[in-house]
Protein backbone atom coordinates (compact mmCIF):
# COMPACT_ATOMS: atom_id res chain seq x y z
CA UNK A 1 -45.27 -79.79 30.27
CA UNK A 2 -45.63 -77.21 33.06
CA UNK A 3 -42.57 -75.77 34.74
CA UNK A 4 -41.53 -77.45 37.98
CA UNK A 5 -42.87 -75.77 41.10
CA UNK A 6 -40.42 -74.03 43.39
CA UNK A 7 -40.11 -75.79 46.74
CA UNK A 8 -41.92 -73.09 48.79
CA UNK A 9 -44.81 -73.12 46.29
CA UNK A 10 -44.97 -76.91 46.37
CA UNK A 11 -45.02 -76.87 50.17
CA UNK A 12 -47.74 -74.20 50.33
CA UNK A 13 -49.93 -76.23 47.96
CA UNK A 14 -49.20 -79.39 49.94
CA UNK A 15 -50.17 -77.63 53.19
CA UNK A 16 -53.43 -76.44 51.64
CA UNK A 17 -54.24 -79.96 50.39
CA UNK A 18 -55.11 -80.93 53.95
CA UNK A 19 -57.58 -78.17 54.77
CA UNK A 20 -58.01 -74.41 54.42
CA UNK A 21 -55.42 -72.57 56.49
CA UNK A 22 -54.75 -68.98 57.52
CA UNK A 23 -51.36 -67.30 57.17
CA UNK A 24 -49.81 -68.32 60.48
CA UNK A 25 -51.17 -71.85 60.07
CA UNK A 26 -49.56 -72.04 56.62
CA UNK A 27 -46.22 -70.79 57.94
CA UNK A 28 -46.29 -73.41 60.70
CA UNK A 29 -47.39 -76.23 58.38
CA UNK A 30 -44.72 -75.43 55.77
CA UNK A 31 -42.13 -75.41 58.56
CA UNK A 32 -43.38 -78.82 59.74
CA UNK A 33 -43.58 -80.32 56.24
CA UNK A 34 -40.07 -79.13 55.35
CA UNK A 35 -38.67 -80.25 58.72
CA UNK A 36 -37.60 -76.67 59.39
CA UNK A 37 -35.71 -76.18 56.10
CA UNK A 38 -38.20 -73.69 54.61
CA UNK A 39 -39.10 -70.80 56.87
CA UNK A 40 -41.65 -68.52 55.19
CA UNK A 41 -41.86 -64.92 56.28
CA UNK A 42 -45.27 -63.24 56.15
CA UNK A 43 -44.33 -60.99 53.22
CA UNK A 44 -43.06 -63.93 51.21
CA UNK A 45 -46.10 -66.04 52.08
CA UNK A 46 -48.68 -63.41 51.16
CA UNK A 47 -46.87 -62.59 47.92
CA UNK A 48 -46.91 -66.30 47.05
CA UNK A 49 -50.59 -66.60 48.02
CA UNK A 50 -51.50 -63.60 45.84
CA UNK A 51 -49.68 -65.24 42.90
CA UNK A 52 -51.28 -68.63 43.57
CA UNK A 53 -54.73 -66.99 43.72
CA UNK A 54 -54.04 -65.05 40.50
CA UNK A 55 -52.97 -68.32 38.83
CA UNK A 56 -56.10 -70.11 40.06
CA UNK A 57 -54.17 -72.63 42.18
CA UNK A 58 -55.44 -71.31 45.53
CA UNK A 59 -58.43 -69.23 46.57
CA UNK A 60 -59.60 -67.30 49.57
CA UNK A 61 -61.86 -69.55 51.59
CA UNK A 62 -63.20 -67.38 54.40
CA UNK A 63 -62.33 -64.70 56.92
CA UNK A 64 -62.84 -64.59 60.66
CA UNK A 65 -61.91 -62.23 63.45
CA UNK A 66 -59.95 -63.76 66.35
CA UNK A 67 -58.90 -61.56 69.27
CA UNK A 68 -59.65 -58.49 67.18
CA UNK A 69 -57.43 -59.63 64.29
CA UNK A 70 -58.60 -60.71 60.86
CA UNK A 71 -57.67 -64.23 59.77
CA UNK A 72 -57.99 -64.93 56.08
CA UNK A 73 -58.13 -68.61 55.16
CA UNK A 74 -56.97 -70.03 51.84
CA UNK A 75 -57.84 -73.31 50.17
CA UNK A 76 -56.52 -75.41 47.32
CA UNK A 77 -58.52 -75.17 44.08
CA UNK A 78 -59.07 -78.05 41.63
CA UNK A 79 -56.34 -76.54 39.40
CA UNK A 80 -54.08 -76.33 42.44
CA UNK A 81 -54.71 -79.96 43.22
CA UNK A 82 -53.91 -80.89 39.60
CA UNK A 83 -50.66 -78.88 39.75
CA UNK A 84 -49.71 -80.53 43.05
CA UNK A 85 -50.45 -84.00 41.64
CA UNK A 86 -48.42 -83.26 38.48
CA UNK A 87 -45.45 -82.00 40.49
CA UNK A 88 -45.65 -84.98 42.85
CA UNK A 89 -45.60 -87.34 39.86
CA UNK A 90 -42.65 -85.47 38.28
CA UNK A 91 -40.72 -85.76 41.54
CA UNK A 92 -41.67 -89.44 41.92
CA UNK A 93 -40.21 -90.19 38.46
CA UNK A 94 -36.96 -88.42 39.42
CA UNK A 95 -36.73 -90.36 42.68
CA UNK A 96 -37.33 -93.66 40.86
CA UNK A 97 -34.64 -92.84 38.29
CA UNK A 98 -32.13 -91.84 40.99
CA UNK A 99 -32.92 -94.95 43.03
CA UNK A 100 -32.38 -97.16 39.99
CA UNK A 101 -29.06 -95.49 39.16
CA UNK A 102 -27.84 -95.73 42.73
CA UNK A 103 -28.52 -99.46 42.75
CA UNK A 104 -26.52 -100.17 39.57
CA UNK A 105 -23.21 -102.00 39.79
CA UNK A 106 -20.37 -99.53 39.51
CA UNK A 107 -22.27 -96.65 41.11
CA UNK A 108 -20.58 -95.04 44.08
CA UNK A 109 -23.44 -96.25 46.30
CA UNK A 110 -23.41 -99.86 45.06
CA UNK A 111 -21.79 -102.43 47.37
CA UNK A 112 -18.24 -103.44 46.44
CA UNK A 113 -18.23 -106.47 44.20
CA UNK A 114 -21.64 -105.73 42.74
CA UNK A 115 -25.03 -107.01 43.83
CA UNK A 116 -25.14 -109.99 46.17
């Protein structure tokens, strides 16, 4: 069983699942997906992208020059998609288990007197 993905890595892969994105686009999309909780700095992002590319989970897609600046786009690879799917399933199982426990009589979240 693979190790769980760290939240920033999960969010980067999730952002790339939509379409290839360049660095600033990834930073903005991760911010949006995390509702502002995860703010990636460029150094952190590019270090993570280098690692994801080395691991075969992401790949460089293309480069373009905009206003004299190079934009490098990254895309999700098939292995990256598989890792994202596996992590999503792992998280789904945890959510289902927590939801079931929270609904049990005697849990702090269960209504007083048990289920209606």
